[in-house]
Structures are given as structure tokens and as C-alpha cells.
Amino acid sequence: MQHSGVASRWAEAALRIAAKTGKEQAWEQWLTQVATWYRESRPLRDFLRHPAIPASAKKEEMRRLLEQLHASTLFQNMICLLIDRHRIELIEAIAEAYSERYDEQRGIVHAEVRCAYPLSDAQRSRLIDLLSQRLHATVRLRVQTDPSLIGGFRVQVGSRVWDASLANALRRLNEQLRRSSIAS
């Protein structure tokens, strides 16, 4: 998935700091938790976004929450810096970019899969196996249902795309028919 340059830079900086302390996995968990709080708690999100609430109050509340996670002081400081720089709204993108970069370091690739219908567990496992063999890497799937595909699926890993959808097959057939009618 593409992230803003700002979110990517924050994620890279966070990963460098986490690596220096050997806490990459803990930072991933903490970032994921903060992103979840931000996404799922409207009161917290509104509180953090409200321009009339001083940054000191926002940071105090976040430190209180982060202490429940036993988050390191360095991590807490980064969250406070996001608040100071008015970047806390990027926390979901930062968490996602961090996870992707951390996975890259561990040889895990992310595949975006769009399917006409939800995949069964067996189909999901088979697709992971096929992609892992083809890419020579561990694959983590992100699956979305997209009825416009009509049937089949579309997989994207980085800039590579495999389109096995019925919609794509129909589009190609339509193009071939147009070309053959023009040539006649």
C-alpha cells in the first residue's frame, strides 16, 4: 500500500529507533494499538484533533494510555512529538508503513488481493502457497471483496499485478473483437 511521504518517514525513523533498542516487534505492537485506539475511539480521536485542547493535555492522556501498554519512554516521546507536530492523524498510516518495512526486513512481502467473492480458508491458504513459491518469500495477504471483478481475483505485490478476474478477461476479449472487426 502507498503511504504519504510524511507517514513513511515517521515509520522509517521509528523502525531505526526500535532497531537500536532491539524492540522492533514491541514498537510494531504499540503502533498498531495506538492506531486501533485512534481509529475505533471517536472520543479519543476528537480529543486529539481538537484545536482548543492544549498539546500538554493530549500528551498527558496519551502517556497515561501508553503506560498501560508498558510502552517505552522513547515510544511515548515519539507519540508526543506526533502530537506536537500535529501529525497524530497519520498514526494509522505510520503503523501500516512501519509494519510493512519491518516485514520487508524479515523477508515478508505484502500482497493486496481483490476478489469477486470472499475467499474460503482453503483458497486463502492455496493463494498464499502459490505466491510464496512464485516470489520466494513469506507472503502476508490483505484481501478485499470487489464484486466489479465479476469472478476470479486480482493480486498486487508492489508494482507487480496478476489479474485473473473475469472482468479483465471480458475486457481483453472485447479488445480482441474490436481489433478483429477493424481488421476485417
C-alpha atoms as a PDB file:
ATOM      1  CA  MET A   1       0.000   0.000   0.000  1.00  0.00           C
ATOM      2  CA  GLN A   2       1.172   3.534  -0.740  1.00  0.00           C
ATOM      3  CA  HIS A   3       1.654   5.873   2.200  1.00  0.00           C
ATOM      4  CA  SER A   4       2.259   9.577   2.284  1.00  0.00           C
ATOM      5  CA  GLY A   5       5.901  10.567   2.292  1.00  0.00           C
ATOM      6  CA  VAL A   6       5.453  12.030   5.755  1.00  0.00           C
ATOM      7  CA  ALA A   7       3.983   8.817   7.197  1.00  0.00           C
ATOM      8  CA  SER A   8       6.724   6.757   5.539  1.00  0.00           C
ATOM      9  CA  ARG A   9       9.452   8.958   7.009  1.00  0.00           C
ATOM     10  CA  TRP A  10       7.947   8.692  10.502  1.00  0.00           C
ATOM     11  CA  ALA A  11       7.720   4.905  10.100  1.00  0.00           C
ATOM     12  CA  GLU A  12      11.343   4.653   8.948  1.00  0.00           C
ATOM     13  CA  ALA A  13      12.525   6.791  11.856  1.00  0.00           C
ATOM     14  CA  ALA A  14      10.508   4.699  14.311  1.00  0.00           C
ATOM     15  CA  LEU A  15      11.972   1.486  12.903  1.00  0.00           C
ATOM     16  CA  ARG A  16      15.530   2.842  13.192  1.00  0.00           C
ATOM     17  CA  ILE A  17      14.933   3.808  16.836  1.00  0.00           C
ATOM     18  CA  ALA A  18      13.287   0.472  17.608  1.00  0.00           C
ATOM     19  CA  ALA A  19      16.164  -1.413  15.950  1.00  0.00           C
ATOM     20  CA  LYS A  20      18.730   0.416  18.065  1.00  0.00           C
ATOM     21  CA  THR A  21      16.980  -0.857  21.189  1.00  0.00           C
ATOM     22  CA  GLY A  22      16.132  -4.300  19.765  1.00  0.00           C
ATOM     23  CA  LYS A  23      12.416  -3.661  20.299  1.00  0.00           C
ATOM     24  CA  GLU A  24      11.114  -3.721  16.711  1.00  0.00           C
ATOM     25  CA  GLN A  25       8.306  -6.149  17.475  1.00  0.00           C
ATOM     26  CA  ALA A  26       7.196  -4.252  20.591  1.00  0.00           C
ATOM     27  CA  TRP A  27       7.123  -0.982  18.619  1.00  0.00           C
ATOM     28  CA  GLU A  28       5.010  -2.664  15.950  1.00  0.00           C
ATOM     29  CA  GLN A  29       2.536  -3.821  18.603  1.00  0.00           C
ATOM     30  CA  TRP A  30       2.447  -0.409  20.273  1.00  0.00           C
ATOM     31  CA  LEU A  31       1.950   1.424  16.970  1.00  0.00           C
ATOM     32  CA  THR A  32      -0.792  -0.990  15.973  1.00  0.00           C
ATOM     33  CA  GLN A  33      -2.531  -0.476  19.313  1.00  0.00           C
ATOM     34  CA  VAL A  34      -2.356   3.333  19.128  1.00  0.00           C
ATOM     35  CA  ALA A  35      -3.651   3.213  15.538  1.00  0.00           C
ATOM     36  CA  THR A  36      -6.512   0.964  16.673  1.00  0.00           C
ATOM     37  CA  TRP A  37      -7.396   3.321  19.519  1.00  0.00           C
ATOM     38  CA  TYR A  38      -7.319   6.262  17.128  1.00  0.00           C
ATOM     39  CA  ARG A  39      -9.483   4.506  14.528  1.00  0.00           C
ATOM     40  CA  GLU A  40     -12.001   2.910  16.894  1.00  0.00           C
ATOM     41  CA  SER A  41     -12.402   5.516  19.624  1.00  0.00           C
ATOM     42  CA  ARG A  42     -14.158   8.577  18.312  1.00  0.00           C
ATOM     43  CA  PRO A  43     -13.887  10.380  21.688  1.00  0.00           C
ATOM     44  CA  LEU A  44     -10.103   9.866  21.733  1.00  0.00           C
ATOM     45  CA  ARG A  45      -9.771  10.879  18.077  1.00  0.00           C
ATOM     46  CA  ASP A  46     -11.889  14.016  18.630  1.00  0.00           C
ATOM     47  CA  PHE A  47      -9.882  14.850  21.761  1.00  0.00           C
ATOM     48  CA  LEU A  48      -6.557  14.528  19.927  1.00  0.00           C
ATOM     49  CA  ARG A  49      -7.783  16.562  16.951  1.00  0.00           C
ATOM     50  CA  HIS A  50      -9.472  19.351  18.904  1.00  0.00           C
ATOM     51  CA  PRO A  51      -7.546  22.596  18.324  1.00  0.00           C
ATOM     52  CA  ALA A  52      -8.656  24.205  21.621  1.00  0.00           C
ATOM     53  CA  ILE A  53      -7.223  21.422  23.777  1.00  0.00           C
ATOM     54  CA  PRO A  54      -3.601  22.135  24.678  1.00  0.00           C
ATOM     55  CA  ALA A  55      -0.966  19.715  23.410  1.00  0.00           C
ATOM     56  CA  SER A  56       0.149  19.182  27.013  1.00  0.00           C
ATOM     57  CA  ALA A  57      -3.265  17.710  27.920  1.00  0.00           C
ATOM     58  CA  LYS A  58      -3.211  15.479  24.824  1.00  0.00           C
ATOM     59  CA  LYS A  59       0.288  14.228  25.609  1.00  0.00           C
ATOM     60  CA  GLU A  60      -0.616  13.587  29.249  1.00  0.00           C
ATOM     61  CA  GLU A  61      -3.612  11.468  28.211  1.00  0.00           C
ATOM     62  CA  MET A  62      -1.581   9.530  25.653  1.00  0.00           C
ATOM     63  CA  ARG A  63       1.204   8.877  28.153  1.00  0.00           C
ATOM     64  CA  ARG A  64      -1.423   7.543  30.593  1.00  0.00           C
ATOM     65  CA  LEU A  65      -2.753   5.175  27.921  1.00  0.00           C
ATOM     66  CA  LEU A  66       0.718   4.136  26.752  1.00  0.00           C
ATOM     67  CA  GLU A  67       1.825   3.304  30.285  1.00  0.00           C
ATOM     68  CA  GLN A  68      -0.942   0.678  30.330  1.00  0.00           C
ATOM     69  CA  LEU A  69       0.851  -0.946  27.370  1.00  0.00           C
ATOM     70  CA  HIS A  70       4.197  -0.650  29.155  1.00  0.00           C
ATOM     71  CA  ALA A  71       5.419   1.308  26.131  1.00  0.00           C
ATOM     72  CA  SER A  72       8.982   2.550  26.327  1.00  0.00           C
ATOM     73  CA  THR A  73       9.773   6.181  27.051  1.00  0.00           C
ATOM     74  CA  LEU A  74      11.216   6.528  23.541  1.00  0.00           C
ATOM     75  CA  PHE A  75       7.940   5.325  22.033  1.00  0.00           C
ATOM     76  CA  GLN A  76       5.930   7.623  24.259  1.00  0.00           C
ATOM     77  CA  ASN A  77       8.166  10.522  23.226  1.00  0.00           C
ATOM     78  CA  MET A  78       7.539   9.765  19.553  1.00  0.00           C
ATOM     79  CA  ILE A  79       3.765   9.820  20.085  1.00  0.00           C
ATOM     80  CA  CYS A  80       4.116  13.120  21.953  1.00  0.00           C
ATOM     81  CA  LEU A  81       6.186  14.508  19.088  1.00  0.00           C
ATOM     82  CA  LEU A  82       3.434  13.485  16.657  1.00  0.00           C
ATOM     83  CA  ILE A  83       1.015  15.468  18.810  1.00  0.00           C
ATOM     84  CA  ASP A  84       3.351  18.484  18.975  1.00  0.00           C
ATOM     85  CA  ARG A  85       3.827  18.441  15.188  1.00  0.00           C
ATOM     86  CA  HIS A  86       0.071  18.000  14.533  1.00  0.00           C
ATOM     87  CA  ARG A  87       0.740  14.645  12.864  1.00  0.00           C
ATOM     88  CA  ILE A  88      -1.169  12.279  15.153  1.00  0.00           C
ATOM     89  CA  GLU A  89      -3.822  11.872  12.427  1.00  0.00           C
ATOM     90  CA  LEU A  90      -1.163   9.957  10.458  1.00  0.00           C
ATOM     91  CA  ILE A  91      -0.841   7.254  13.133  1.00  0.00           C
ATOM     92  CA  GLU A  92      -2.711   4.599  11.117  1.00  0.00           C
ATOM     93  CA  ALA A  93      -0.575   5.173   8.013  1.00  0.00           C
ATOM     94  CA  ILE A  94       2.582   5.276  10.148  1.00  0.00           C
ATOM     95  CA  ALA A  95       1.669   1.980  11.839  1.00  0.00           C
ATOM     96  CA  GLU A  96       0.963   0.323   8.499  1.00  0.00           C
ATOM     97  CA  ALA A  97       4.156   1.653   6.886  1.00  0.00           C
ATOM     98  CA  TYR A  98       6.171   0.546   9.928  1.00  0.00           C
ATOM     99  CA  SER A  99       4.739  -2.993   9.729  1.00  0.00           C
ATOM    100  CA  GLU A 100       5.482  -3.200   6.016  1.00  0.00           C
ATOM    101  CA  ARG A 101       9.087  -2.063   6.460  1.00  0.00           C
ATOM    102  CA  TYR A 102       9.606  -4.348   9.436  1.00  0.00           C
ATOM    103  CA  ASP A 103       8.189  -7.240   7.401  1.00  0.00           C
ATOM    104  CA  GLU A 104      10.497  -6.369   4.480  1.00  0.00           C
ATOM    105  CA  GLN A 105      13.464  -6.701   6.823  1.00  0.00           C
ATOM    106  CA  ARG A 106      12.217 -10.171   7.785  1.00  0.00           C
ATOM    107  CA  GLY A 107      11.618 -11.258   4.176  1.00  0.00           C
ATOM    108  CA  ILE A 108       7.833 -10.957   4.321  1.00  0.00           C
ATOM    109  CA  VAL A 109       6.009  -9.385   1.368  1.00  0.00           C
ATOM    110  CA  HIS A 110       2.513  -7.911   1.359  1.00  0.00           C
ATOM    111  CA  ALA A 111       0.041  -8.915  -1.328  1.00  0.00           C
ATOM    112  CA  GLU A 112      -3.120  -6.923  -1.977  1.00  0.00           C
ATOM    113  CA  VAL A 113      -5.835  -9.290  -3.212  1.00  0.00           C
ATOM    114  CA  ARG A 114      -9.167  -8.209  -4.644  1.00  0.00           C
ATOM    115  CA  CYS A 115     -11.724 -10.981  -5.145  1.00  0.00           C
ATOM    116  CA  ALA A 116     -15.214 -11.020  -6.571  1.00  0.00           C
ATOM    117  CA  TYR A 117     -16.307 -13.117  -3.584  1.00  0.00           C
ATOM    118  CA  PRO A 118     -14.800 -13.765  -0.144  1.00  0.00           C
ATOM    119  CA  LEU A 119     -12.066 -16.397  -0.128  1.00  0.00           C
ATOM    120  CA  SER A 120     -12.515 -19.594   1.858  1.00  0.00           C
ATOM    121  CA  ASP A 121      -9.733 -20.534   4.273  1.00  0.00           C
ATOM    122  CA  ALA A 122      -8.587 -23.232   1.839  1.00  0.00           C
ATOM    123  CA  GLN A 123      -8.471 -20.768  -1.088  1.00  0.00           C
ATOM    124  CA  ARG A 124      -6.608 -18.253   1.043  1.00  0.00           C
ATOM    125  CA  SER A 125      -4.032 -20.869   2.078  1.00  0.00           C
ATOM    126  CA  ARG A 126      -3.599 -22.061  -1.512  1.00  0.00           C
ATOM    127  CA  LEU A 127      -3.096 -18.489  -2.762  1.00  0.00           C
ATOM    128  CA  ILE A 128      -0.518 -17.825  -0.038  1.00  0.00           C
ATOM    129  CA  ASP A 129       1.330 -21.037  -1.003  1.00  0.00           C
ATOM    130  CA  LEU A 130       1.305 -20.163  -4.725  1.00  0.00           C
ATOM    131  CA  LEU A 131       2.518 -16.607  -4.138  1.00  0.00           C
ATOM    132  CA  SER A 132       5.176 -17.746  -1.670  1.00  0.00           C
ATOM    133  CA  GLN A 133       6.554 -20.210  -4.232  1.00  0.00           C
ATOM    134  CA  ARG A 134       6.481 -17.658  -7.039  1.00  0.00           C
ATOM    135  CA  LEU A 135       8.020 -14.826  -5.001  1.00  0.00           C
ATOM    136  CA  HIS A 136      10.389 -16.980  -2.895  1.00  0.00           C
ATOM    137  CA  ALA A 137       9.216 -15.139   0.203  1.00  0.00           C
ATOM    138  CA  THR A 138       6.735 -15.364   3.019  1.00  0.00           C
ATOM    139  CA  VAL A 139       3.507 -13.678   1.926  1.00  0.00           C
ATOM    140  CA  ARG A 140       1.011 -11.757   4.014  1.00  0.00           C
ATOM    141  CA  LEU A 141      -2.350 -11.256   2.283  1.00  0.00           C
ATOM    142  CA  ARG A 142      -4.675  -8.288   2.559  1.00  0.00           C
ATOM    143  CA  VAL A 143      -7.961  -9.355   0.954  1.00  0.00           C
ATOM    144  CA  GLN A 144     -10.792  -7.114  -0.219  1.00  0.00           C
ATOM    145  CA  THR A 145     -14.056  -8.158  -1.842  1.00  0.00           C
ATOM    146  CA  ASP A 146     -14.760  -6.340  -5.114  1.00  0.00           C
ATOM    147  CA  PRO A 147     -17.934  -7.503  -6.920  1.00  0.00           C
ATOM    148  CA  SER A 148     -16.969  -5.453 -10.018  1.00  0.00           C
ATOM    149  CA  LEU A 149     -14.435  -8.192 -10.840  1.00  0.00           C
ATOM    150  CA  ILE A 150     -17.427 -10.482 -11.558  1.00  0.00           C
ATOM    151  CA  GLY A 151     -15.320 -13.582 -10.866  1.00  0.00           C
ATOM    152  CA  GLY A 152     -11.699 -14.502 -10.140  1.00  0.00           C
ATOM    153  CA  PHE A 153      -9.192 -12.254  -8.410  1.00  0.00           C
ATOM    154  CA  ARG A 154      -6.532  -9.579  -8.848  1.00  0.00           C
ATOM    155  CA  VAL A 155      -3.243  -9.696  -6.892  1.00  0.00           C
ATOM    156  CA  GLN A 156      -0.792  -6.834  -6.464  1.00  0.00           C
ATOM    157  CA  VAL A 157       2.622  -7.147  -4.839  1.00  0.00           C
ATOM    158  CA  GLY A 158       4.480  -3.868  -5.062  1.00  0.00           C
ATOM    159  CA  SER A 159       4.275  -2.809  -8.708  1.00  0.00           C
ATOM    160  CA  ARG A 160       3.580  -6.354  -9.974  1.00  0.00           C
ATOM    161  CA  VAL A 161      -0.027  -7.211 -10.826  1.00  0.00           C
ATOM    162  CA  TRP A 162      -1.639 -10.545 -11.704  1.00  0.00           C
ATOM    163  CA  ASP A 163      -5.190 -10.083 -12.950  1.00  0.00           C
ATOM    164  CA  ALA A 164      -7.163 -13.334 -13.151  1.00  0.00           C
ATOM    165  CA  SER A 165     -10.559 -11.638 -12.939  1.00  0.00           C
ATOM    166  CA  LEU A 166     -13.473 -12.338 -15.209  1.00  0.00           C
ATOM    167  CA  ALA A 167     -13.875  -8.594 -15.751  1.00  0.00           C
ATOM    168  CA  ASN A 168     -10.314  -8.427 -17.116  1.00  0.00           C
ATOM    169  CA  ALA A 169     -10.864 -11.479 -19.334  1.00  0.00           C
ATOM    170  CA  LEU A 170     -14.033  -9.886 -20.749  1.00  0.00           C
ATOM    171  CA  ARG A 171     -12.206  -6.606 -21.334  1.00  0.00           C
ATOM    172  CA  ARG A 172      -9.420  -8.412 -23.227  1.00  0.00           C
ATOM    173  CA  LEU A 173     -11.965 -10.370 -25.280  1.00  0.00           C
ATOM    174  CA  ASN A 174     -13.778  -7.123 -26.131  1.00  0.00           C
ATOM    175  CA  GLU A 175     -10.480  -5.557 -27.273  1.00  0.00           C
ATOM    176  CA  GLN A 176      -9.696  -8.583 -29.462  1.00  0.00           C
ATOM    177  CA  LEU A 177     -13.143  -8.450 -31.029  1.00  0.00           C
ATOM    178  CA  ARG A 178     -12.757  -4.736 -31.762  1.00  0.00           C
ATOM    179  CA  ARG A 179      -9.339  -5.275 -33.335  1.00  0.00           C
ATOM    180  CA  SER A 180     -10.602  -8.153 -35.465  1.00  0.00           C
ATOM    181  CA  SER A 181     -13.622  -6.135 -36.654  1.00  0.00           C
ATOM    182  CA  ILE A 182     -11.345  -3.195 -37.562  1.00  0.00           C
ATOM    183  CA  ALA A 183      -9.002  -5.518 -39.470  1.00  0.00           C
ATOM    184  CA  SER A 184     -11.903  -7.039 -41.467  1.00  0.00           C
END
